[in-house]
Amino acid sequence: MGEFDLIRTFFTRPVRRAALGVGDDCALLAPAPGMQLAISSDMLVEGRHFFADVDPRLLGHKALAVNLSDLAACGARPLAFTLALSLPRADTAWVGAFAQGLLALADAHQCELIGGDTTQGPLNICITVFGEVPAGQALLRSGAQAGDDIYVSGSLGDARLALEALQGRLQLPADVLAATRQRLEAPSPRVALGLALRGIASSALDLSDGLLGDLGHILTQSGVGACIDTRLTSPLLAAAARLPLDQALVRKCTLAGGDDYELCFTAAPALRAQVAAAAQASATPVTRIGSVQAQSGLRLLGADGEELLARFASFDHFSA
């Protein structure tokens, strides 16, 4: 099957929101009056971001999920996306399964595929996603204020725990490995929570490279520091709570594991009830894990309430 046959068979769909969809040199997309476009791109590379034997349906899901997570962190509603896909060969069974996983998540969020590109080469997936947010209401990294509470959604560390097991560094029971691998390969973008946090969160981002490293971006751009109570974050490694694991590894997975695709956000203490309501409305658990401080730097409190001297390095593409 040739390039354009692949596109027609697996990726051409009726136009819904866009003025012009797949098949022309450019797609045409206009936000509603009073809205701004929120745009983000992510690339997934075989051997770097996913294993060669990954289920293509899950890979299709994750390829879009990581982009939707960026929209969630901005408080933007998904509109549309483009797909650039490099394939070693035109394997219709593989492409068909990939498209099913991709488009099922797209449909769940009413996010329309409007264009892209395909070529032959090493397996590489690049998606650019477009969302809309009312002008002036986008959640940014730069708004945290001293005294704000710091929250995370969902659970942290599960994906890194799966990676440790899949790379042979620890043993997990089959049921725990299956649950944590699902978190690694099919993350849930917190779009509904991001929308619910408009006007409540003072800053936000999604956690892709690890809690401490990503939170550092908020602190830098907001010109503040933070104190994190690790006693609150460690129980978030829910799938491993009943296992006799090395607690140093649990802490590393939770604080610097990466691939969580949860939201980390800040909000004033006076808005705790509104945060709880947003969590309930979006059916997303959130946990308050610390506070923003005026003094720069990041302090970690251990099990005894004393400051931890250990340092945790989050993922970096050019130092890992």
Protein backbone atom coordinates (compact mmCIF):
# COMPACT_ATOMS: atom_id res chain seq x y z
CA MET A 1 0.00 0.00 0.00
CA GLY A 2 1.43 3.40 -0.96
CA GLU A 3 1.65 6.58 1.09
CA PHE A 4 -1.58 8.13 -0.11
CA ASP A 5 -3.42 4.82 0.09
CA LEU A 6 -2.41 4.59 3.76
CA ILE A 7 -3.69 8.10 4.40
CA ARG A 8 -6.99 7.50 2.61
CA THR A 9 -7.55 4.12 4.28
CA PHE A 10 -6.62 4.87 7.89
CA PHE A 11 -6.51 8.62 8.48
CA THR A 12 -9.03 10.41 6.22
CA ARG A 13 -12.25 11.24 8.08
CA PRO A 14 -15.19 13.58 7.54
CA VAL A 15 -14.48 17.21 8.44
CA ARG A 16 -16.23 18.31 11.63
CA ARG A 17 -14.82 21.49 13.16
CA ALA A 18 -12.11 22.48 10.72
CA ALA A 19 -12.96 24.56 7.68
CA LEU A 20 -10.80 22.20 5.60
CA GLY A 21 -9.42 18.82 6.61
CA VAL A 22 -7.00 16.24 5.22
CA GLY A 23 -6.22 16.33 1.50
CA ASP A 24 -5.09 19.87 0.69
CA ASP A 25 -1.74 21.59 1.16
CA CYS A 26 -2.95 23.15 4.41
CA ALA A 27 -5.84 22.57 6.78
CA LEU A 28 -7.89 25.59 7.81
CA LEU A 29 -8.75 26.05 11.47
CA ALA A 30 -10.26 29.07 13.19
CA PRO A 31 -10.90 29.47 16.94
CA ALA A 32 -14.26 30.70 18.15
CA PRO A 33 -14.61 34.45 18.80
CA GLY A 34 -12.86 35.50 22.00
CA MET A 35 -10.69 32.39 22.03
CA GLN A 36 -6.94 31.93 21.68
CA LEU A 37 -5.32 28.91 20.02
CA ALA A 38 -3.18 26.73 22.30
CA ILE A 39 -0.64 24.73 20.27
CA SER A 40 1.80 22.00 21.31
CA SER A 41 4.02 19.43 19.56
CA ASP A 42 5.50 16.18 20.85
CA MET A 43 7.65 13.57 19.15
CA LEU A 44 7.89 9.87 20.06
CA VAL A 45 10.91 7.94 18.81
CA GLU A 46 11.24 4.15 18.86
CA GLY A 47 13.85 3.02 21.37
CA ARG A 48 13.76 6.39 23.11
CA HIS A 49 10.11 6.80 24.10
CA PHE A 50 8.66 3.33 23.53
CA PHE A 51 9.72 -0.29 23.11
CA ALA A 52 9.79 -1.85 19.64
CA ASP A 53 7.24 -4.50 20.66
CA VAL A 54 4.66 -2.07 22.06
CA ASP A 55 1.03 -2.73 21.09
CA PRO A 56 0.41 -0.28 18.20
CA ARG A 57 -3.06 0.53 19.58
CA LEU A 58 -1.49 1.67 22.84
CA LEU A 59 1.18 3.59 20.95
CA GLY A 60 -1.47 5.41 18.94
CA HIS A 61 -3.25 6.29 22.18
CA LYS A 62 -0.08 7.54 23.89
CA ALA A 63 1.09 9.56 20.89
CA LEU A 64 -2.00 11.74 21.17
CA ALA A 65 -2.35 11.51 24.96
CA VAL A 66 0.96 13.24 25.63
CA ASN A 67 -0.14 16.16 23.46
CA LEU A 68 -3.59 16.36 25.05
CA SER A 69 -1.82 16.46 28.41
CA ASP A 70 -0.14 19.71 27.33
CA LEU A 71 -3.53 21.19 26.47
CA ALA A 72 -4.85 20.06 29.85
CA ALA A 73 -2.01 21.87 31.60
CA CYS A 74 -2.97 25.05 29.75
CA GLY A 75 -6.68 24.70 30.53
CA ALA A 76 -7.44 24.40 26.81
CA ARG A 77 -10.19 22.43 25.12
CA PRO A 78 -8.91 20.16 22.31
CA LEU A 79 -9.86 21.08 18.76
CA ALA A 80 -7.68 19.30 16.22
CA PHE A 81 -4.26 17.77 15.54
CA THR A 82 -1.83 16.92 12.78
CA LEU A 83 0.17 13.69 12.49
CA ALA A 84 3.64 13.28 10.97
CA LEU A 85 4.47 9.58 10.77
CA SER A 86 7.72 7.93 9.68
CA LEU A 87 7.35 4.18 9.04
CA PRO A 88 9.98 1.55 8.20
CA ARG A 89 7.44 -0.11 5.88
CA ALA A 90 3.76 0.08 4.95
CA ASP A 91 2.52 -2.59 7.37
CA THR A 92 -1.24 -2.22 7.07
CA ALA A 93 -2.03 -4.38 10.13
CA TRP A 94 0.28 -2.26 12.29
CA VAL A 95 -0.93 1.05 10.87
CA GLY A 96 -4.56 -0.01 11.22
CA ALA A 97 -4.12 -0.85 14.91
CA PHE A 98 -2.15 2.36 15.52
CA ALA A 99 -4.92 4.40 13.87
CA GLN A 100 -7.58 2.69 15.99
CA GLY A 101 -5.85 3.62 19.25
CA LEU A 102 -5.09 7.15 18.04
CA LEU A 103 -8.55 7.94 16.72
CA ALA A 104 -10.42 6.36 19.63
CA LEU A 105 -8.76 8.83 22.00
CA ALA A 106 -9.28 11.64 19.48
CA ASP A 107 -12.99 10.87 19.34
CA ALA A 108 -13.23 10.72 23.13
CA HIS A 109 -11.97 14.31 23.27
CA GLN A 110 -13.63 15.52 20.05
CA CYS A 111 -10.21 16.31 18.63
CA GLU A 112 -10.12 16.18 14.84
CA LEU A 113 -7.25 14.92 12.67
CA ILE A 114 -6.78 17.63 10.03
CA GLY A 115 -3.50 16.86 8.27
CA GLY A 116 0.12 15.82 8.51
CA ASP A 117 2.68 13.80 6.58
CA THR A 118 3.91 10.23 6.10
CA THR A 119 7.31 9.02 4.97
CA GLN A 120 9.52 5.94 5.04
CA GLY A 121 12.21 5.79 7.71
CA PRO A 122 12.81 4.82 11.35
CA LEU A 123 9.58 4.66 13.35
CA ASN A 124 8.93 8.20 14.54
CA ILE A 125 5.65 9.90 15.48
CA CYS A 126 5.19 13.65 15.74
CA ILE A 127 1.83 15.19 16.63
CA THR A 128 0.92 18.87 16.80
CA VAL A 129 -2.27 19.53 18.71
CA PHE A 130 -4.49 22.62 18.68
CA GLY A 131 -6.83 23.69 21.44
CA GLU A 132 -8.74 26.80 22.39
CA VAL A 133 -8.93 28.75 25.61
CA PRO A 134 -10.71 32.03 26.40
CA ALA A 135 -8.35 34.98 26.01
CA GLY A 136 -6.61 35.68 29.30
CA GLN A 137 -7.70 32.41 30.97
CA ALA A 138 -4.87 30.07 29.95
CA LEU A 139 -3.09 28.30 32.80
CA LEU A 140 0.61 29.20 32.67
CA ARG A 141 3.80 28.21 34.50
CA SER A 142 4.53 31.75 35.62
CA GLY A 143 1.71 32.56 38.05
CA ALA A 144 2.64 30.77 41.29
CA GLN A 145 2.67 33.00 44.37
CA ALA A 146 4.35 32.56 47.74
CA GLY A 147 1.91 30.82 50.07
CA ASP A 148 0.13 28.89 47.31
CA ASP A 149 -0.61 25.21 47.81
CA ILE A 150 1.02 22.73 45.41
CA TYR A 151 -1.07 19.85 44.06
CA VAL A 152 -0.66 16.84 41.80
CA SER A 153 -3.37 14.82 40.11
CA GLY A 154 -3.68 11.05 40.07
CA SER A 155 -0.72 8.89 41.08
CA LEU A 156 2.98 9.35 40.43
CA GLY A 157 5.72 6.82 39.82
CA ASP A 158 3.74 3.93 38.35
CA ALA A 159 5.10 4.40 34.84
CA ARG A 160 8.71 4.54 36.04
CA LEU A 161 8.13 1.42 38.16
CA ALA A 162 6.99 -0.41 35.02
CA LEU A 163 10.04 0.82 33.12
CA GLU A 164 12.36 -0.42 35.87
CA ALA A 165 10.72 -3.86 35.66
CA LEU A 166 10.69 -4.02 31.85
CA GLN A 167 14.38 -3.15 31.78
CA GLY A 168 15.11 -5.98 34.22
CA ARG A 169 16.10 -3.91 37.25
CA LEU A 170 13.39 -5.36 39.51
CA GLN A 171 10.73 -8.07 39.60
CA LEU A 172 7.01 -7.31 39.85
CA PRO A 173 4.05 -9.69 40.13
CA ALA A 174 2.28 -10.09 36.80
CA ASP A 175 -0.82 -8.17 37.88
CA VAL A 176 1.19 -5.22 39.20
CA LEU A 177 3.38 -5.14 36.09
CA ALA A 178 0.27 -5.14 33.90
CA ALA A 179 -1.28 -2.25 35.85
CA THR A 180 1.87 -0.14 35.91
CA ARG A 181 2.67 -0.89 32.26
CA GLN A 182 -0.80 0.39 31.37
CA ARG A 183 0.14 3.67 33.06
CA LEU A 184 3.38 3.76 31.08
CA GLU A 185 1.91 2.94 27.68
CA ALA A 186 -1.62 4.40 27.89
CA PRO A 187 -1.62 7.52 30.11
CA SER A 188 -4.86 9.40 30.75
CA PRO A 189 -4.67 13.09 29.76
CA ARG A 190 -6.32 15.21 32.47
CA VAL A 191 -8.21 17.47 30.09
CA ALA A 192 -11.36 17.70 32.23
CA LEU A 193 -9.35 18.74 35.29
CA GLY A 194 -7.45 21.36 33.32
CA LEU A 195 -10.71 22.90 32.14
CA ALA A 196 -12.14 22.83 35.67
CA LEU A 197 -9.07 24.62 37.07
CA ARG A 198 -9.51 27.75 34.95
CA GLY A 199 -9.77 30.71 37.29
CA ILE A 200 -8.61 28.56 40.24
CA ALA A 201 -5.05 27.43 39.56
CA SER A 202 -2.40 30.13 39.67
CA SER A 203 0.02 28.01 37.61
CA ALA A 204 0.08 24.55 36.06
CA LEU A 205 2.06 22.13 33.89
CA ASP A 206 1.96 18.46 33.00
CA LEU A 207 4.43 15.99 34.48
CA SER A 208 6.38 14.30 31.71
CA ASP A 209 9.98 14.27 32.99
CA GLY A 210 9.42 13.82 36.74
CA LEU A 211 7.74 15.82 39.49
CA LEU A 212 10.74 17.70 40.85
CA GLY A 213 12.23 18.60 37.49
CA ASP A 214 8.94 19.74 36.03
CA LEU A 215 7.90 21.63 39.17
CA GLY A 216 11.23 23.42 38.86
CA HIS A 217 9.95 25.04 35.65
CA ILE A 218 7.05 26.60 37.57
CA LEU A 219 9.39 27.81 40.31
CA THR A 220 11.85 29.34 37.84
CA GLN A 221 9.24 31.05 35.70
CA SER A 222 7.33 32.30 38.75
CA GLY A 223 10.44 33.43 40.63
CA VAL A 224 9.60 31.43 43.77
CA GLY A 225 10.68 28.36 45.73
CA ALA A 226 8.81 25.43 47.26
CA CYS A 227 8.68 22.92 50.08
CA ILE A 228 7.46 19.38 49.26
CA ASP A 229 6.45 16.85 51.91
CA THR A 230 7.55 13.47 50.52
CA ARG A 231 5.32 11.71 53.05
CA LEU A 232 2.41 12.93 50.97
CA THR A 233 3.85 11.95 47.59
CA SER A 234 5.11 8.44 48.38
CA PRO A 235 1.64 6.87 48.94
CA LEU A 236 0.75 7.95 45.41
CA LEU A 237 2.69 4.94 44.11
CA ALA A 238 -0.53 3.02 44.60
CA ALA A 239 0.16 -0.09 42.55
CA ALA A 240 3.32 -0.86 44.53
CA ALA A 241 2.13 0.06 48.02
CA ARG A 242 1.68 -3.55 49.09
CA LEU A 243 5.05 -4.74 47.75
CA PRO A 244 8.31 -5.06 49.74
CA LEU A 245 10.16 -2.59 47.54
CA ASP A 246 13.21 -0.55 48.41
CA GLN A 247 11.80 2.73 49.68
CA ALA A 248 14.64 4.67 48.07
CA LEU A 249 13.47 3.31 44.71
CA VAL A 250 9.85 4.16 45.51
CA ARG A 251 10.88 7.71 46.34
CA LYS A 252 12.92 8.00 43.15
CA CYS A 253 10.03 6.73 41.01
CA THR A 254 7.59 9.11 42.68
CA LEU A 255 9.70 12.25 42.72
CA ALA A 256 11.68 11.92 39.49
CA GLY A 257 10.25 9.02 37.53
CA GLY A 258 8.74 10.69 34.46
CA ASP A 259 6.03 9.60 32.02
CA ASP A 260 3.29 10.31 34.58
CA TYR A 261 1.34 12.81 32.43
CA GLU A 262 -0.46 14.07 35.51
CA LEU A 263 -1.01 17.75 36.27
CA CYS A 264 0.98 19.68 38.83
CA PHE A 265 -0.60 22.99 39.77
CA THR A 266 -0.68 25.68 42.41
CA ALA A 267 -3.61 27.53 43.99
CA ALA A 268 -4.19 29.89 46.87
CA PRO A 269 -5.12 28.22 50.21
CA ALA A 270 -8.37 30.19 50.20
CA LEU A 271 -9.39 28.19 47.10
CA ARG A 272 -9.05 24.70 48.59
CA ALA A 273 -12.79 24.11 48.39
CA GLN A 274 -12.81 25.15 44.72
CA VAL A 275 -9.89 22.81 44.00
CA ALA A 276 -11.79 19.96 45.65
CA ALA A 277 -14.87 20.81 43.59
CA ALA A 278 -12.82 20.85 40.37
CA ALA A 279 -11.38 17.45 41.24
CA GLN A 280 -14.83 16.05 41.90
CA ALA A 281 -16.36 17.59 38.77
CA SER A 282 -13.59 16.12 36.60
CA ALA A 283 -13.55 12.75 38.43
CA THR A 284 -9.81 13.21 39.01
CA PRO A 285 -8.15 12.71 42.39
CA VAL A 286 -5.76 15.47 43.48
CA THR A 287 -3.34 15.57 46.40
CA ARG A 288 -1.88 18.63 48.13
CA ILE A 289 1.85 17.92 48.45
CA GLY A 290 3.46 21.16 49.59
CA SER A 291 3.56 24.91 49.40
CA VAL A 292 5.15 27.68 47.37
CA GLN A 293 7.71 29.79 49.25
CA ALA A 294 9.15 33.22 48.60
CA GLN A 295 12.72 32.00 49.01
CA SER A 296 14.10 30.36 45.87
CA GLY A 297 15.04 26.70 45.82
CA LEU A 298 13.24 23.42 46.48
CA ARG A 299 13.14 21.83 49.94
CA LEU A 300 12.09 18.20 50.51
CA LEU A 301 10.81 16.93 53.85
CA GLY A 302 11.37 13.25 54.69
CA ALA A 303 9.49 10.72 56.80
CA ASP A 304 10.64 12.34 60.05
CA GLY A 305 9.71 15.81 58.88
CA GLU A 306 13.36 16.77 58.54
CA GLU A 307 14.79 18.16 55.33
CA LEU A 308 16.17 15.57 52.91
CA LEU A 309 19.65 16.18 51.59
CA ALA A 310 19.26 13.71 48.72
CA ARG A 311 18.88 15.16 45.23
CA PHE A 312 16.83 13.64 42.42
CA ALA A 313 17.57 14.18 38.73
CA SER A 314 14.58 14.15 36.39
CA PHE A 315 14.76 12.94 32.81
CA ASP A 316 16.66 14.97 30.22
CA HIS A 317 16.95 13.85 26.60
CA PHE A 318 20.55 14.93 26.27
CA SER A 319 21.93 13.76 29.60
CA ALA A 320 20.12 10.44 30.09
